Amino acid sequence: VQLVESGGGLVQPGGSLRLSCLASGTILRMYATGWYRQAPGKQRELVAVLTTAGNTNYADSVKGRFTISRDNAKNTVLLQMNSLKPEDTAVYYCNSNFVHWGQGTQVTVSS
């Protein structure tokens, strides 16, 4: 199983980014998929999760700003991030079935 994230970068506060996670060796829609993040000096934390039934759950800190979705045709999970804040700065990781991890993509929110 391989998960490859993309879409990170540097953005100003209030800006938007869309992260993508392309999977191979697994079918994402068959398992819960999620996005996590880890800021320097902090533990990795859950950002958003999408169940096989299509239900979503978000960390309180991102509710109303982030949206997780899945493109089954492309075997990809997405994270649309709007109204970004400096405290959103972290390495973002994709996860499948609470077992498989991607290598991470850096998101930096700074003016």
C-alpha atoms as a PDB file:
ATOM      1  CA  VAL A   1       0.000   0.000   0.000  1.00  0.00           C
ATOM      2  CA  GLN A   2       1.306   3.417  -0.920  1.00  0.00           C
ATOM      3  CA  LEU A   3      -0.235   6.776  -0.111  1.00  0.00           C
ATOM      4  CA  VAL A   4       1.234   9.870  -1.758  1.00  0.00           C
ATOM      5  CA  GLU A   5       0.200  13.325  -0.586  1.00  0.00           C
ATOM      6  CA  SER A   6       0.499  16.494  -2.631  1.00  0.00           C
ATOM      7  CA  GLY A   7      -0.781  20.048  -2.638  1.00  0.00           C
ATOM      8  CA  GLY A   8       1.038  21.513   0.339  1.00  0.00           C
ATOM      9  CA  GLY A   9       2.907  24.776   0.256  1.00  0.00           C
ATOM     10  CA  LEU A  10       3.170  28.300   1.603  1.00  0.00           C
ATOM     11  CA  VAL A  11      -0.001  30.356   1.832  1.00  0.00           C
ATOM     12  CA  GLN A  12      -0.960  33.622   3.486  1.00  0.00           C
ATOM     13  CA  PRO A  13      -3.429  33.694   6.377  1.00  0.00           C
ATOM     14  CA  GLY A  14      -6.955  33.546   5.038  1.00  0.00           C
ATOM     15  CA  GLY A  15      -5.868  31.644   1.963  1.00  0.00           C
ATOM     16  CA  SER A  16      -6.796  28.183   0.718  1.00  0.00           C
ATOM     17  CA  LEU A  17      -5.056  24.974  -0.228  1.00  0.00           C
ATOM     18  CA  ARG A  18      -6.278  21.617  -1.429  1.00  0.00           C
ATOM     19  CA  LEU A  19      -4.394  18.519  -0.415  1.00  0.00           C
ATOM     20  CA  SER A  20      -4.614  15.271  -2.368  1.00  0.00           C
ATOM     21  CA  CYS A  21      -3.725  11.740  -1.359  1.00  0.00           C
ATOM     22  CA  LEU A  22      -3.361   9.211  -4.158  1.00  0.00           C
ATOM     23  CA  ALA A  23      -3.512   5.573  -3.122  1.00  0.00           C
ATOM     24  CA  SER A  24      -2.121   2.472  -4.747  1.00  0.00           C
ATOM     25  CA  GLY A  25      -2.331  -1.101  -3.528  1.00  0.00           C
ATOM     26  CA  THR A  26      -5.590  -0.445  -1.763  1.00  0.00           C
ATOM     27  CA  ILE A  27      -9.069   0.829  -2.522  1.00  0.00           C
ATOM     28  CA  LEU A  28      -9.709   3.877  -0.385  1.00  0.00           C
ATOM     29  CA  ARG A  29     -13.497   3.675  -0.451  1.00  0.00           C
ATOM     30  CA  MET A  30     -13.356   0.304   1.327  1.00  0.00           C
ATOM     31  CA  TYR A  31     -11.782   1.792   4.467  1.00  0.00           C
ATOM     32  CA  ALA A  32     -11.978   4.837   6.646  1.00  0.00           C
ATOM     33  CA  THR A  33      -9.568   7.474   5.391  1.00  0.00           C
ATOM     34  CA  GLY A  34      -8.303  10.491   7.206  1.00  0.00           C
ATOM     35  CA  TRP A  35      -6.004  13.439   7.353  1.00  0.00           C
ATOM     36  CA  TYR A  36      -3.755  14.078  10.331  1.00  0.00           C
ATOM     37  CA  ARG A  37      -1.218  16.783  11.025  1.00  0.00           C
ATOM     38  CA  GLN A  38       1.840  17.259  13.153  1.00  0.00           C
ATOM     39  CA  ALA A  39       3.246  20.639  14.064  1.00  0.00           C
ATOM     40  CA  PRO A  40       6.826  21.043  15.345  1.00  0.00           C
ATOM     41  CA  GLY A  41       7.098  19.896  18.935  1.00  0.00           C
ATOM     42  CA  LYS A  42       3.543  18.579  19.009  1.00  0.00           C
ATOM     43  CA  GLN A  43       1.893  15.187  18.712  1.00  0.00           C
ATOM     44  CA  ARG A  44       0.216  14.090  15.522  1.00  0.00           C
ATOM     45  CA  GLU A  45      -3.489  14.941  15.659  1.00  0.00           C
ATOM     46  CA  LEU A  46      -6.562  13.987  13.708  1.00  0.00           C
ATOM     47  CA  VAL A  47      -7.826  16.677  11.339  1.00  0.00           C
ATOM     48  CA  ALA A  48     -10.637  14.924   9.498  1.00  0.00           C
ATOM     49  CA  VAL A  49     -11.897  11.426   8.824  1.00  0.00           C
ATOM     50  CA  LEU A  50     -14.217  10.031   6.168  1.00  0.00           C
ATOM     51  CA  THR A  51     -15.917   6.694   6.766  1.00  0.00           C
ATOM     52  CA  THR A  52     -16.890   4.113   4.172  1.00  0.00           C
ATOM     53  CA  ALA A  53     -20.490   5.253   4.572  1.00  0.00           C
ATOM     54  CA  GLY A  54     -19.522   8.807   3.708  1.00  0.00           C
ATOM     55  CA  ASN A  55     -19.783  10.208   7.215  1.00  0.00           C
ATOM     56  CA  THR A  56     -17.264  12.838   8.251  1.00  0.00           C
ATOM     57  CA  ASN A  57     -15.743  13.975  11.495  1.00  0.00           C
ATOM     58  CA  TYR A  58     -13.530  17.004  12.037  1.00  0.00           C
ATOM     59  CA  ALA A  59     -11.311  18.385  14.738  1.00  0.00           C
ATOM     60  CA  ASP A  60     -13.015  21.328  16.449  1.00  0.00           C
ATOM     61  CA  SER A  61     -10.212  23.605  15.329  1.00  0.00           C
ATOM     62  CA  VAL A  62     -10.978  23.065  11.619  1.00  0.00           C
ATOM     63  CA  LYS A  63     -14.777  22.683  11.587  1.00  0.00           C
ATOM     64  CA  GLY A  64     -16.365  24.978   9.053  1.00  0.00           C
ATOM     65  CA  ARG A  65     -13.041  25.619   7.307  1.00  0.00           C
ATOM     66  CA  PHE A  66     -11.835  22.202   6.096  1.00  0.00           C
ATOM     67  CA  THR A  67     -13.684  19.647   4.006  1.00  0.00           C
ATOM     68  CA  ILE A  68     -12.642  16.046   3.431  1.00  0.00           C
ATOM     69  CA  SER A  69     -13.883  14.201   0.363  1.00  0.00           C
ATOM     70  CA  ARG A  70     -13.058  11.190  -1.764  1.00  0.00           C
ATOM     71  CA  ASP A  71     -12.826  10.729  -5.511  1.00  0.00           C
ATOM     72  CA  ASN A  72     -13.465   7.023  -5.954  1.00  0.00           C
ATOM     73  CA  ALA A  73     -12.704   7.064  -9.666  1.00  0.00           C
ATOM     74  CA  LYS A  74      -9.216   8.410  -8.958  1.00  0.00           C
ATOM     75  CA  ASN A  75      -8.752   6.481  -5.694  1.00  0.00           C
ATOM     76  CA  THR A  76      -7.904   9.780  -4.047  1.00  0.00           C
ATOM     77  CA  VAL A  77      -8.884  11.516  -0.831  1.00  0.00           C
ATOM     78  CA  LEU A  78      -8.906  15.295  -0.736  1.00  0.00           C
ATOM     79  CA  LEU A  79      -8.726  17.935   1.966  1.00  0.00           C
ATOM     80  CA  GLN A  80      -9.982  21.381   1.015  1.00  0.00           C
ATOM     81  CA  MET A  81      -8.624  23.915   3.484  1.00  0.00           C
ATOM     82  CA  ASN A  82     -10.080  27.417   3.543  1.00  0.00           C
ATOM     83  CA  SER A  83      -9.542  30.408   5.810  1.00  0.00           C
ATOM     84  CA  LEU A  84      -6.158  29.084   6.798  1.00  0.00           C
ATOM     85  CA  LYS A  85      -4.543  30.295   9.995  1.00  0.00           C
ATOM     86  CA  PRO A  86      -0.910  30.307  11.123  1.00  0.00           C
ATOM     87  CA  GLU A  87      -1.797  27.617  13.652  1.00  0.00           C
ATOM     88  CA  ASP A  88      -2.689  25.302  10.760  1.00  0.00           C
ATOM     89  CA  THR A  89       1.006  25.126   9.909  1.00  0.00           C
ATOM     90  CA  ALA A  90       2.088  21.482  10.086  1.00  0.00           C
ATOM     91  CA  VAL A  91       3.013  18.429   8.104  1.00  0.00           C
ATOM     92  CA  TYR A  92      -0.214  16.855   6.881  1.00  0.00           C
ATOM     93  CA  TYR A  93      -0.466  13.093   6.564  1.00  0.00           C
ATOM     94  CA  CYS A  94      -2.960  10.895   4.794  1.00  0.00           C
ATOM     95  CA  ASN A  95      -4.107   7.697   6.495  1.00  0.00           C
ATOM     96  CA  SER A  96      -6.040   4.654   5.326  1.00  0.00           C
ATOM     97  CA  ASN A  97      -7.748   2.189   7.647  1.00  0.00           C
ATOM     98  CA  PHE A  98      -5.850   3.618  10.614  1.00  0.00           C
ATOM     99  CA  VAL A  99      -2.849   1.581   9.444  1.00  0.00           C
ATOM    100  CA  HIS A 100      -1.250   2.986   6.310  1.00  0.00           C
ATOM    101  CA  TRP A 101       0.422   6.411   6.191  1.00  0.00           C
ATOM    102  CA  GLY A 102       1.722   8.690   3.506  1.00  0.00           C
ATOM    103  CA  GLN A 103       5.016  10.544   3.720  1.00  0.00           C
ATOM    104  CA  GLY A 104       3.380  13.868   4.517  1.00  0.00           C
ATOM    105  CA  THR A 105       3.156  17.261   2.851  1.00  0.00           C
ATOM    106  CA  GLN A 106       4.186  20.536   4.467  1.00  0.00           C
ATOM    107  CA  VAL A 107       1.621  23.289   4.899  1.00  0.00           C
ATOM    108  CA  THR A 108       2.917  26.670   6.034  1.00  0.00           C
ATOM    109  CA  VAL A 109       0.559  29.551   6.738  1.00  0.00           C
ATOM    110  CA  SER A 110       2.463  32.784   7.079  1.00  0.00           C
ATOM    111  CA  SER A 111       2.482  36.353   5.857  1.00  0.00           C
END
